[in-house]
Amino acid sequence: MSFYTFTYSIIVLLVLSSVNVFASNEQLSSRECESLGFTGLALCSDCHSFAEYVNDQGLVSDCLKCCTEDSDDSMTKITYSGAILEVCMRKLVFYPEVVSFIEDEKDKFPSVKVKYDYNSPPKLIMLDDDGQQKETIRIDNWKSEHVVQFLKGKVKPKSAAL
C-alpha cells in the first residue's frame, strides 16, 4: 500500500510541476503586473538575474509573466503615439523631479498629458495609435532629464496639421 501511495504522490507532483511550467508561459496585463510590483519595461534576462538572488520561485514566475523577451534593439524600436503622466497631486511634494518635468519640460511634448489621480505613484502610461494603454512605467526615482530623454526616444512627435 505504501508503494502505491508513494507512486501516486510522485505522479501528482510531476503533474503539478508540469502545470506550473505551462502556467509560467502566460503573460499578464500591465495592470496585473503593476499590482504585483513589476512595472516598467523589464527584460526577461532581468528576471533570470533576479532568480539568482531571490529564493522565491513564485516571485520569479510572476516576473517572467510580466517581462519582455530580450532581442537586439527590441526595446529601442518600440515607440508610442502618446503618454499620460499620472500622479497624485497630494504626493507631488515628495517628487520634486516630477514637478520639475511638469513645470519646465512637459510643454515640449504635446502628446503627453498630465493626469492627477488620487493616491497614484508617478508613472508614465504609454499609449498606442488608438489611445489605448500599452505599457506602464513607474518614474518615482527618475530625474527630470531622464523623463525627457525617455520621452524623446519613445514618443512619436506629433505631426503638424497641413
Protein backbone atom coordinates (compact mmCIF):
# COMPACT_ATOMS: atom_id res chain seq x y z
CA MET A 1 0.00 0.00 0.00
CA SER A 2 2.80 2.48 0.83
CA PHE A 3 4.47 1.84 -2.54
CA TYR A 4 1.27 2.86 -4.35
CA THR A 5 0.86 5.93 -2.14
CA PHE A 6 4.44 6.94 -2.86
CA THR A 7 4.00 6.37 -6.61
CA TYR A 8 0.73 8.32 -6.59
CA SER A 9 2.46 11.21 -4.77
CA ILE A 10 5.26 11.28 -7.35
CA ILE A 11 2.75 11.33 -10.22
CA VAL A 12 0.79 14.16 -8.60
CA LEU A 13 3.99 16.17 -8.10
CA LEU A 14 5.03 15.64 -11.72
CA VAL A 15 1.62 16.72 -13.00
CA LEU A 16 1.56 19.79 -10.76
CA SER A 17 5.07 20.83 -11.75
CA SER A 18 4.26 20.46 -15.46
CA VAL A 19 1.10 22.56 -14.98
CA ASN A 20 3.25 25.20 -13.25
CA VAL A 21 5.70 25.22 -16.17
CA PHE A 22 2.88 25.79 -18.66
CA ALA A 23 1.30 28.47 -16.45
CA SER A 24 4.57 30.38 -16.33
CA ASN A 25 4.37 30.93 -20.10
CA GLU A 26 1.25 33.08 -19.80
CA GLN A 27 1.62 36.84 -19.96
CA LEU A 28 -0.16 39.14 -17.53
CA SER A 29 -1.66 42.51 -18.35
CA SER A 30 0.28 45.63 -17.41
CA ARG A 31 -2.27 46.36 -14.65
CA GLU A 32 -1.85 42.87 -13.18
CA CYS A 33 1.94 43.22 -13.34
CA GLU A 34 1.77 46.63 -11.67
CA SER A 35 -0.35 45.22 -8.84
CA LEU A 36 2.32 42.54 -8.35
CA GLY A 37 5.00 45.24 -8.19
CA PHE A 38 6.50 44.58 -11.63
CA THR A 39 6.38 47.76 -13.64
CA GLY A 40 8.37 49.26 -16.41
CA LEU A 41 9.98 47.57 -19.35
CA ALA A 42 11.66 44.63 -17.61
CA LEU A 43 13.50 42.23 -19.86
CA CYS A 44 13.27 38.50 -19.18
CA SER A 45 17.04 38.40 -18.67
CA ASP A 46 16.44 40.70 -15.67
CA CYS A 47 14.09 38.07 -14.22
CA HIS A 48 16.76 35.39 -14.66
CA SER A 49 19.27 37.60 -12.83
CA PHE A 50 16.64 38.27 -10.18
CA ALA A 51 16.25 34.49 -9.68
CA GLU A 52 19.92 34.23 -8.71
CA TYR A 53 19.36 36.50 -5.72
CA VAL A 54 15.83 35.60 -4.63
CA ASN A 55 14.86 32.19 -3.37
CA ASP A 56 11.16 32.53 -4.24
CA GLN A 57 10.03 30.61 -7.33
CA GLY A 58 6.58 32.25 -7.24
CA LEU A 59 8.09 35.72 -7.39
CA VAL A 60 10.39 34.77 -10.24
CA SER A 61 7.45 33.17 -12.07
CA ASP A 62 5.45 36.40 -11.72
CA CYS A 63 8.42 38.35 -13.06
CA LEU A 64 8.60 36.05 -16.10
CA LYS A 65 4.88 36.61 -16.73
CA CYS A 66 5.48 40.37 -16.85
CA CYS A 67 8.72 40.61 -18.82
CA THR A 68 9.55 41.31 -22.44
CA GLU A 69 11.72 38.87 -24.36
CA ASP A 70 15.26 40.08 -24.99
CA SER A 71 16.38 40.69 -28.54
CA ASP A 72 18.76 43.04 -30.28
CA ASP A 73 17.28 46.53 -30.18
CA SER A 74 13.86 45.14 -29.21
CA MET A 75 13.28 47.98 -26.76
CA THR A 76 14.72 50.77 -28.88
CA LYS A 77 12.32 50.06 -31.75
CA ILE A 78 9.14 50.39 -29.67
CA THR A 79 7.55 53.82 -29.94
CA TYR A 80 4.23 55.17 -28.74
CA SER A 81 1.78 57.77 -30.03
CA GLY A 82 1.43 59.48 -26.69
CA ALA A 83 1.65 59.16 -22.95
CA ILE A 84 -0.12 60.11 -19.75
CA LEU A 85 1.95 61.18 -16.78
CA GLU A 86 -0.24 60.07 -13.88
CA VAL A 87 0.48 61.23 -10.34
CA CYS A 88 -1.32 62.11 -7.12
CA MET A 89 -1.38 65.87 -6.67
CA ARG A 90 -1.05 65.48 -2.89
CA LYS A 91 2.12 63.41 -3.29
CA LEU A 92 3.85 65.79 -5.69
CA VAL A 93 5.71 67.37 -2.78
CA PHE A 94 7.63 64.07 -2.47
CA TYR A 95 8.62 64.07 -6.16
CA PRO A 96 10.45 67.32 -6.97
CA GLU A 97 11.87 65.87 -10.20
CA VAL A 98 8.36 65.09 -11.47
CA VAL A 99 7.27 68.63 -10.55
CA SER A 100 10.30 69.98 -12.41
CA PHE A 101 9.37 67.99 -15.51
CA ILE A 102 5.74 69.15 -15.40
CA GLU A 103 6.64 72.80 -14.90
CA ASP A 104 9.70 73.08 -17.16
CA GLU A 105 9.67 70.34 -19.79
CA LYS A 106 6.16 68.99 -20.32
CA ASP A 107 5.20 71.64 -22.92
CA LYS A 108 7.89 70.24 -25.23
CA PHE A 109 5.77 67.07 -25.54
CA PRO A 110 2.29 67.95 -26.86
CA SER A 111 1.23 64.28 -26.97
CA VAL A 112 1.97 63.84 -23.24
CA LYS A 113 -0.88 64.71 -20.89
CA VAL A 114 -0.77 65.04 -17.10
CA LYS A 115 -3.47 63.26 -15.12
CA TYR A 116 -3.87 63.80 -11.41
CA ASP A 117 -5.23 60.64 -9.83
CA TYR A 118 -5.67 60.23 -6.08
CA ASN A 119 -3.02 58.05 -4.43
CA SER A 120 -1.29 57.24 -7.73
CA PRO A 121 2.50 56.96 -7.71
CA PRO A 122 4.20 58.86 -10.55
CA LYS A 123 4.08 56.79 -13.70
CA LEU A 124 4.04 57.11 -17.45
CA ILE A 125 1.20 55.33 -19.21
CA MET A 126 2.30 54.76 -22.78
CA LEU A 127 -0.43 54.87 -25.45
CA ASP A 128 -0.77 53.28 -28.88
CA ASP A 129 -2.23 54.91 -32.01
CA ASP A 130 -5.77 54.25 -30.75
CA GLY A 131 -5.08 55.88 -27.39
CA GLN A 132 -5.10 52.52 -25.62
CA GLN A 133 -2.74 51.80 -22.73
CA LYS A 134 0.19 49.63 -23.86
CA GLU A 135 2.76 49.99 -21.08
CA THR A 136 3.04 51.49 -17.62
CA ILE A 137 6.38 52.71 -16.29
CA ARG A 138 6.89 53.89 -12.73
CA ILE A 139 9.06 57.01 -12.57
CA ASP A 140 9.27 57.54 -8.80
CA ASN A 141 13.06 57.87 -8.77
CA TRP A 142 13.66 59.31 -12.23
CA LYS A 143 15.33 62.66 -12.71
CA SER A 144 13.55 65.19 -14.91
CA GLU A 145 16.19 64.85 -17.64
CA HIS A 146 15.70 61.05 -17.69
CA VAL A 147 11.97 61.52 -18.28
CA VAL A 148 12.78 63.93 -21.14
CA GLN A 149 15.32 61.53 -22.65
CA PHE A 150 12.90 58.59 -22.38
CA LEU A 151 10.02 60.51 -23.97
CA LYS A 152 12.23 61.79 -26.81
CA GLY A 153 13.11 58.20 -27.67
CA LYS A 154 9.75 56.56 -27.10
CA VAL A 155 7.01 59.03 -28.06
CA LYS A 156 6.47 59.82 -31.73
CA PRO A 157 6.50 63.58 -32.34
CA LYS A 158 3.09 64.95 -33.27
CA SER A 159 2.98 65.78 -36.94
CA ALA A 160 1.86 69.27 -37.79
CA ALA A 161 -1.55 69.52 -39.45
CA LEU A 162 -1.33 70.70 -43.04
